[in-house]
Amino acid sequence: MSSSSGQPPRQALLGGVPSTIPDIPVSAVLLALFVAGGATHLTIFVRNRRRGPEHHFFFSFLLFVFPVTRVAALSLRIAWARARDDADVALAATVFTAAGVLILFIVNLILARRVVRALHPRLGRHPALTHAFRALLATIVAILVMVVVCTVHSSLGADAAARAKERDVLRFAGVYMTVVALLPAVAVALAWAVPNRGPHHPPEPLGTGPMWAKVALLGFASLLLTLGAGFRVGVNFAAKPVGQEQWYHSKPAFYCFNFVLDLIVVYSYAIFRFDRMFHIPPVEPKSSASGHSSGDDKEAAHGSGPQQHPGLGLNAEKGSFGESGRDLMDKHRDSGAGHYEV
């Protein structure tokens, strides 16, 4: 049943209006791959959780949520292919396709911050950087709201002047998200390249494996997402009217830059076990109130006696590493089990 709540597009759409062939088979294959990827990350998350809070890694759950959004987007595209005149389904498919990838952007930003804090603890825990990071996350949410509102309003028959302004907003949002996608790669590359010259704040261990592997994996994922975001914003700037579609409006371009790149990131994080590479075990509770730490160590876990290294939260007997208890962006509390970073 067709819907008349929207208007036919005046500009060529990335991927065009879906059809039974080839969109339904292609979407079904991608959907199955996202289901498998999401199930893998959920399995890892559940197994780690069962092993105890010291193995808990919340980002594995987010890497399950992201494929769910992609499954929703592909399901809506299949429904759109079966009802090509339904403007409501078309709008929902467009919104889900554009919005879901923000989950990966946020995950990469938080992981990049962990790498920076491990390589440069004093800089990574500076209050100014903490506030800037929280402000950045807030702007991402604001940009998402702007994109959804402008997309919905434009599809409901706004006048020419309003559509022009909304296009400008969408282009700005696209450029901003491309920069956000690139930030993790730039941050970890600079943190890795610039040596730590602070004798009182040496590099801290992070997860398992060498630091270069973490920098390489995160940089690779960030660059892939930047490629996809940059392609989408480029299409917005090179808009063409319906009937004058270019190669970048084709279906292969649509599926590759919107879904295949995301799949590579999802499976890369599962294959290389990013839950181990970027994991920070919980801070173990003190058994004694003795000991002290300097003012620069206030962001780290408090220790006592020779078993805990001030500033690093290192337990010498068990080899576990603690993190800051003040950073609300990276902490997660589990009643009765202390606290641990997500």
Protein backbone atom coordinates (compact mmCIF):
# COMPACT_ATOMS: atom_id res chain seq x y z
CA MET A 1 0.00 0.00 0.00
CA SER A 2 1.53 3.27 -1.08
CA SER A 3 1.94 6.27 1.08
CA SER A 4 1.46 9.87 0.05
CA SER A 5 3.05 11.48 3.08
CA GLY A 6 6.25 12.23 1.21
CA GLN A 7 7.28 13.61 -2.17
CA PRO A 8 9.27 11.91 -4.94
CA PRO A 9 12.98 12.76 -4.72
CA ARG A 10 14.15 15.61 -6.92
CA GLN A 11 17.81 14.62 -6.69
CA ALA A 12 19.44 11.35 -7.63
CA LEU A 13 19.61 8.99 -4.66
CA LEU A 14 22.73 7.11 -3.64
CA GLY A 15 21.86 3.55 -4.61
CA GLY A 16 18.69 4.68 -6.36
CA VAL A 17 15.24 3.30 -5.63
CA PRO A 18 15.69 -0.40 -4.77
CA SER A 19 14.24 -3.10 -7.00
CA THR A 20 13.56 -6.77 -6.50
CA ILE A 21 16.67 -7.68 -8.48
CA PRO A 22 19.43 -7.09 -7.46
CA ASP A 23 18.61 -5.27 -4.21
CA ILE A 24 16.73 -7.99 -2.35
CA PRO A 25 19.36 -10.76 -2.84
CA VAL A 26 22.26 -8.40 -2.11
CA SER A 27 20.55 -6.97 0.96
CA ALA A 28 19.70 -10.48 2.20
CA VAL A 29 23.34 -11.61 1.94
CA LEU A 30 24.61 -8.51 3.74
CA LEU A 31 21.89 -8.91 6.36
CA ALA A 32 23.00 -12.49 7.06
CA LEU A 33 26.63 -11.37 7.39
CA PHE A 34 25.68 -8.65 9.86
CA VAL A 35 23.63 -11.16 11.87
CA ALA A 36 26.65 -13.47 12.06
CA GLY A 37 28.96 -10.61 13.03
CA GLY A 38 26.59 -9.33 15.69
CA ALA A 39 26.09 -12.84 17.09
CA THR A 40 29.87 -13.27 17.33
CA HIS A 41 30.33 -10.10 19.36
CA LEU A 42 27.36 -10.94 21.57
CA THR A 43 28.82 -14.39 22.25
CA ILE A 44 32.16 -12.85 23.18
CA PHE A 45 30.42 -10.33 25.44
CA VAL A 46 28.38 -12.99 27.24
CA ARG A 47 31.36 -15.31 27.72
CA ASN A 48 33.51 -12.51 29.10
CA ARG A 49 30.73 -11.46 31.44
CA ARG A 50 30.35 -15.00 32.76
CA ARG A 51 34.08 -15.13 33.50
CA GLY A 52 33.63 -12.26 35.94
CA PRO A 53 33.71 -8.46 36.03
CA GLU A 54 37.46 -8.41 35.46
CA HIS A 55 36.82 -9.68 31.91
CA HIS A 56 33.79 -7.50 31.17
CA PHE A 57 34.10 -5.45 27.95
CA PHE A 58 31.06 -3.32 27.16
CA PHE A 59 32.21 -2.41 23.66
CA SER A 60 31.56 -6.00 22.54
CA PHE A 61 27.91 -5.35 23.32
CA LEU A 62 27.99 -2.14 21.27
CA LEU A 63 29.50 -4.12 18.39
CA PHE A 64 26.40 -6.30 18.68
CA VAL A 65 24.04 -3.32 18.73
CA PHE A 66 25.59 -1.82 15.60
CA PRO A 67 24.87 -4.87 13.37
CA VAL A 68 21.31 -4.79 14.71
CA THR A 69 20.90 -1.28 13.29
CA ARG A 70 22.36 -2.48 9.99
CA VAL A 71 19.97 -5.44 9.93
CA ALA A 72 17.10 -2.98 10.45
CA ALA A 73 18.35 -0.76 7.61
CA LEU A 74 18.71 -3.68 5.20
CA SER A 75 15.32 -5.10 6.19
CA LEU A 76 13.73 -1.74 5.47
CA ARG A 77 15.49 -1.60 2.12
CA ILE A 78 14.09 -5.02 1.23
CA ALA A 79 10.63 -3.79 2.24
CA TRP A 80 11.18 -0.67 0.13
CA ALA A 81 12.11 -2.84 -2.88
CA ARG A 82 8.77 -4.65 -2.51
CA ALA A 83 6.81 -1.40 -2.10
CA ARG A 84 8.70 1.16 -4.17
CA ASP A 85 6.02 3.86 -3.83
CA ASP A 86 5.88 3.73 -0.03
CA ALA A 87 7.51 6.99 1.05
CA ASP A 88 7.38 6.12 4.75
CA VAL A 89 9.42 2.94 4.29
CA ALA A 90 11.85 4.81 2.04
CA LEU A 91 12.34 7.49 4.68
CA ALA A 92 12.89 4.95 7.46
CA ALA A 93 15.42 3.05 5.36
CA THR A 94 17.31 6.26 4.60
CA VAL A 95 17.44 7.35 8.26
CA PHE A 96 18.61 3.95 9.54
CA THR A 97 21.28 3.73 6.86
CA ALA A 98 22.68 7.15 7.76
CA ALA A 99 22.45 6.98 11.55
CA GLY A 100 23.70 3.52 12.53
CA VAL A 101 27.39 4.07 11.78
CA LEU A 102 27.65 6.68 14.55
CA ILE A 103 27.94 3.80 17.03
CA LEU A 104 31.25 2.79 15.47
CA PHE A 105 32.43 6.40 15.47
CA ILE A 106 31.84 6.66 19.21
CA VAL A 107 33.44 3.29 19.97
CA ASN A 108 36.57 4.25 18.02
CA LEU A 109 36.82 7.59 19.80
CA ILE A 110 36.72 5.96 23.23
CA LEU A 111 39.24 3.30 22.23
CA ALA A 112 41.53 6.00 20.86
CA ARG A 113 41.31 7.80 24.17
CA ARG A 114 42.39 4.65 25.96
CA VAL A 115 45.44 4.39 23.69
CA VAL A 116 46.36 8.03 24.31
CA ARG A 117 46.02 7.58 28.07
CA ALA A 118 48.17 4.46 27.99
CA LEU A 119 50.96 6.11 25.98
CA HIS A 120 50.71 9.56 27.60
CA PRO A 121 48.96 9.19 30.99
CA ARG A 122 49.37 12.82 32.06
CA LEU A 123 47.90 14.18 28.84
CA GLY A 124 45.20 11.50 28.59
CA ARG A 125 43.91 12.24 32.09
CA HIS A 126 44.11 16.01 31.89
CA PRO A 127 40.75 17.58 32.87
CA ALA A 128 40.73 19.77 29.76
CA LEU A 129 40.96 16.73 27.50
CA THR A 130 38.23 14.99 29.48
CA HIS A 131 35.86 17.94 29.09
CA ALA A 132 36.70 18.28 25.39
CA PHE A 133 35.99 14.59 24.86
CA ARG A 134 32.60 14.81 26.55
CA ALA A 135 31.74 17.89 24.51
CA LEU A 136 32.67 16.02 21.33
CA LEU A 137 30.32 13.16 22.21
CA ALA A 138 27.55 15.68 22.89
CA THR A 139 28.06 17.30 19.47
CA ILE A 140 27.78 13.90 17.78
CA VAL A 141 24.38 13.38 19.37
CA ALA A 142 23.33 16.90 18.33
CA ILE A 143 24.47 16.28 14.75
CA LEU A 144 22.46 13.05 14.66
CA VAL A 145 19.32 14.92 15.73
CA MET A 146 19.96 17.57 13.08
CA VAL A 147 20.37 14.97 10.34
CA VAL A 148 17.19 13.10 11.27
CA VAL A 149 15.10 16.27 11.56
CA CYS A 150 16.34 17.72 8.26
CA THR A 151 15.94 14.42 6.42
CA VAL A 152 12.38 13.92 7.64
CA HIS A 153 11.31 17.54 7.07
CA SER A 154 12.80 17.65 3.58
CA SER A 155 11.01 14.46 2.56
CA LEU A 156 7.64 15.80 3.73
CA GLY A 157 7.44 18.50 1.10
CA ALA A 158 9.37 21.52 2.33
CA ASP A 159 9.56 24.53 0.05
CA ALA A 160 12.61 25.25 -2.11
CA ALA A 161 14.22 27.67 0.35
CA ALA A 162 13.86 25.25 3.26
CA ARG A 163 15.25 22.36 1.22
CA ALA A 164 18.29 24.42 0.27
CA LYS A 165 19.02 25.22 3.92
CA GLU A 166 18.49 21.60 4.91
CA ARG A 167 20.95 20.49 2.23
CA ASP A 168 23.51 22.85 3.72
CA VAL A 169 22.89 21.36 7.16
CA LEU A 170 23.29 17.81 5.84
CA ARG A 171 26.50 18.75 4.06
CA PHE A 172 27.92 20.32 7.20
CA ALA A 173 26.91 17.25 9.21
CA GLY A 174 28.58 15.01 6.64
CA VAL A 175 31.85 16.93 6.78
CA TYR A 176 31.76 16.98 10.59
CA MET A 177 31.17 13.23 10.79
CA THR A 178 34.01 12.60 8.35
CA VAL A 179 36.35 14.52 10.65
CA VAL A 180 35.02 12.59 13.65
CA ALA A 181 35.64 9.30 11.83
CA LEU A 182 39.24 10.34 11.12
CA LEU A 183 40.05 11.62 14.63
CA PRO A 184 40.89 8.21 16.17
CA ALA A 185 43.45 7.44 13.47
CA VAL A 186 45.09 10.85 13.88
CA ALA A 187 45.05 10.66 17.70
CA VAL A 188 46.63 7.22 18.00
CA ALA A 189 49.18 7.95 15.27
CA LEU A 190 50.34 11.11 17.04
CA ALA A 191 50.35 9.40 20.43
CA TRP A 192 52.47 6.58 19.00
CA ALA A 193 54.85 8.87 17.11
CA VAL A 194 55.47 11.38 19.91
CA PRO A 195 57.71 9.86 22.60
CA ASN A 196 56.70 10.03 26.23
CA ARG A 197 59.34 12.15 27.97
CA GLY A 198 57.66 12.35 31.37
CA PRO A 199 59.68 10.27 33.86
CA HIS A 200 56.93 10.58 36.48
CA HIS A 201 54.22 9.43 34.04
CA PRO A 202 55.61 6.46 32.08
CA PRO A 203 53.44 4.62 29.53
CA GLU A 204 50.87 2.29 31.04
CA PRO A 205 50.00 -1.21 29.83
CA LEU A 206 46.71 -1.65 27.98
CA GLY A 207 45.09 -4.99 27.31
CA THR A 208 47.06 -7.79 25.67
CA GLY A 209 49.43 -7.65 22.72
CA PRO A 210 51.87 -4.98 21.58
CA MET A 211 50.81 -1.35 21.42
CA TRP A 212 51.65 -1.09 17.72
CA ALA A 213 49.00 -3.72 16.99
CA LYS A 214 46.36 -1.67 18.80
CA VAL A 215 47.38 1.47 16.92
CA ALA A 216 47.31 -0.41 13.60
CA LEU A 217 43.89 -2.00 14.17
CA LEU A 218 42.25 1.19 15.39
CA GLY A 219 43.86 3.26 12.64
CA PHE A 220 42.72 0.76 10.01
CA ALA A 221 39.12 0.81 11.26
CA SER A 222 39.12 4.59 11.52
CA LEU A 223 40.41 5.05 7.96
CA LEU A 224 37.80 2.64 6.57
CA LEU A 225 34.99 4.54 8.28
CA THR A 226 36.49 7.83 7.08
CA LEU A 227 36.44 6.50 3.52
CA GLY A 228 32.74 5.68 3.81
CA ALA A 229 31.83 8.98 5.45
CA GLY A 230 33.90 10.95 2.96
CA PHE A 231 32.25 9.21 0.03
CA ARG A 232 28.78 9.98 1.33
CA VAL A 233 29.50 13.65 1.90
CA GLY A 234 31.13 13.82 -1.53
CA VAL A 235 27.92 12.52 -3.09
CA ASN A 236 25.97 15.23 -1.25
CA PHE A 237 28.22 17.94 -2.64
CA ALA A 238 28.09 16.47 -6.16
CA ALA A 239 24.30 16.18 -6.21
CA LYS A 240 22.61 15.54 -9.56
CA PRO A 241 18.95 15.70 -10.56
CA VAL A 242 16.98 12.53 -11.13
CA GLY A 243 17.82 11.12 -14.54
CA GLN A 244 21.43 12.34 -14.50
CA GLU A 245 22.88 9.75 -12.13
CA GLN A 246 26.65 9.24 -12.03
CA TRP A 247 28.75 6.21 -11.16
CA TYR A 248 28.76 7.17 -7.49
CA HIS A 249 24.98 6.84 -7.38
CA SER A 250 25.18 3.20 -8.50
CA LYS A 251 24.04 0.28 -6.38
CA PRO A 252 27.55 -1.25 -6.05
CA ALA A 253 28.85 2.07 -4.71
CA PHE A 254 25.92 2.31 -2.30
CA TYR A 255 26.40 -1.15 -0.81
CA CYS A 256 30.21 -1.01 -0.71
CA PHE A 257 30.54 2.38 0.98
CA ASN A 258 27.55 2.01 3.29
CA PHE A 259 27.70 -1.65 4.34
CA VAL A 260 30.78 -3.55 3.16
CA LEU A 261 33.22 -1.19 4.88
CA ASP A 262 31.22 -1.52 8.10
CA LEU A 263 31.29 -5.30 7.81
CA ILE A 264 35.08 -5.26 7.51
CA VAL A 265 35.34 -3.25 10.73
CA VAL A 266 32.90 -5.53 12.60
CA TYR A 267 34.72 -8.70 11.59
CA SER A 268 38.18 -7.21 12.11
CA TYR A 269 37.33 -6.37 15.70
CA ALA A 270 36.02 -9.90 16.23
CA ILE A 271 38.91 -11.72 14.52
CA PHE A 272 41.63 -9.75 16.28
CA ARG A 273 39.73 -9.86 19.60
CA PHE A 274 39.64 -6.17 20.33
CA ASP A 275 37.97 -7.08 23.62
CA ARG A 276 41.38 -8.32 24.78
CA MET A 277 43.51 -5.68 23.08
CA PHE A 278 41.72 -2.67 24.62
CA HIS A 279 40.52 -4.20 27.88
CA ILE A 280 41.23 -2.64 31.28
CA PRO A 281 40.52 -4.92 34.26
CA PRO A 282 38.74 -3.51 37.33
CA VAL A 283 40.44 -1.73 40.19
CA GLU A 284 40.76 -4.13 43.10
CA PRO A 285 39.59 -2.80 46.48
CA LYS A 286 42.22 -1.83 49.03
CA SER A 287 42.78 -4.12 51.97
CA SER A 288 44.60 -1.44 53.94
CA ALA A 289 44.44 2.32 54.20
CA SER A 290 48.22 2.64 54.35
CA GLY A 291 50.29 4.11 51.56
CA HIS A 292 50.01 7.36 49.68
CA SER A 293 50.20 8.77 46.18
CA SER A 294 51.26 12.07 44.75
CA GLY A 295 48.91 14.71 43.41
CA ASP A 296 49.60 13.55 39.85
CA ASP A 297 48.37 10.09 40.78
CA LYS A 298 44.93 11.13 41.98
CA GLU A 299 43.40 10.00 38.69
CA ALA A 300 44.72 6.48 39.17
CA ALA A 301 43.66 3.77 41.59
CA HIS A 302 44.91 4.19 45.19
CA GLY A 303 47.35 1.51 46.33
CA SER A 304 48.94 0.36 49.56
CA GLY A 305 52.22 -1.34 50.37
CA PRO A 306 54.47 -2.84 47.72
CA GLN A 307 51.66 -4.70 45.92
CA GLN A 308 50.31 -1.69 44.07
CA HIS A 309 52.23 0.74 41.91
CA PRO A 310 51.10 4.34 42.53
CA GLY A 311 49.62 6.02 39.49
CA LEU A 312 49.38 2.84 37.42
CA GLY A 313 47.03 0.81 39.57
CA LEU A 314 49.31 -2.19 39.01
CA ASN A 315 48.82 -5.19 41.28
CA ALA A 316 52.21 -6.87 41.42
CA GLU A 317 50.90 -10.28 42.47
CA LYS A 318 48.15 -10.66 39.91
CA GLY A 319 49.49 -8.47 37.12
CA SER A 320 46.26 -6.54 36.69
CA PHE A 321 45.99 -2.93 35.75
CA GLY A 322 43.47 -0.46 37.11
CA GLU A 323 42.19 2.75 35.63
CA SER A 324 40.81 6.03 36.83
CA GLY A 325 37.71 5.91 39.01
CA ARG A 326 36.73 9.49 38.13
CA ASP A 327 36.19 9.15 34.42
CA LEU A 328 32.45 8.71 34.08
CA MET A 329 32.64 8.29 30.32
CA ASP A 330 34.61 5.06 30.55
CA LYS A 331 33.42 3.54 33.82
CA HIS A 332 30.61 1.11 34.48
CA ARG A 333 29.48 0.04 37.93
CA ASP A 334 28.30 -3.43 38.81
CA SER A 335 26.79 -3.67 42.26
CA GLY A 336 28.63 -5.95 44.59
CA ALA A 337 31.54 -6.44 42.19
CA GLY A 338 33.43 -3.17 42.38
CA HIS A 339 33.75 -1.05 39.27
CA TYR A 340 35.32 -1.63 35.93
CA GLU A 341 35.83 0.22 32.68
CA VAL A 342 33.59 -0.47 29.76
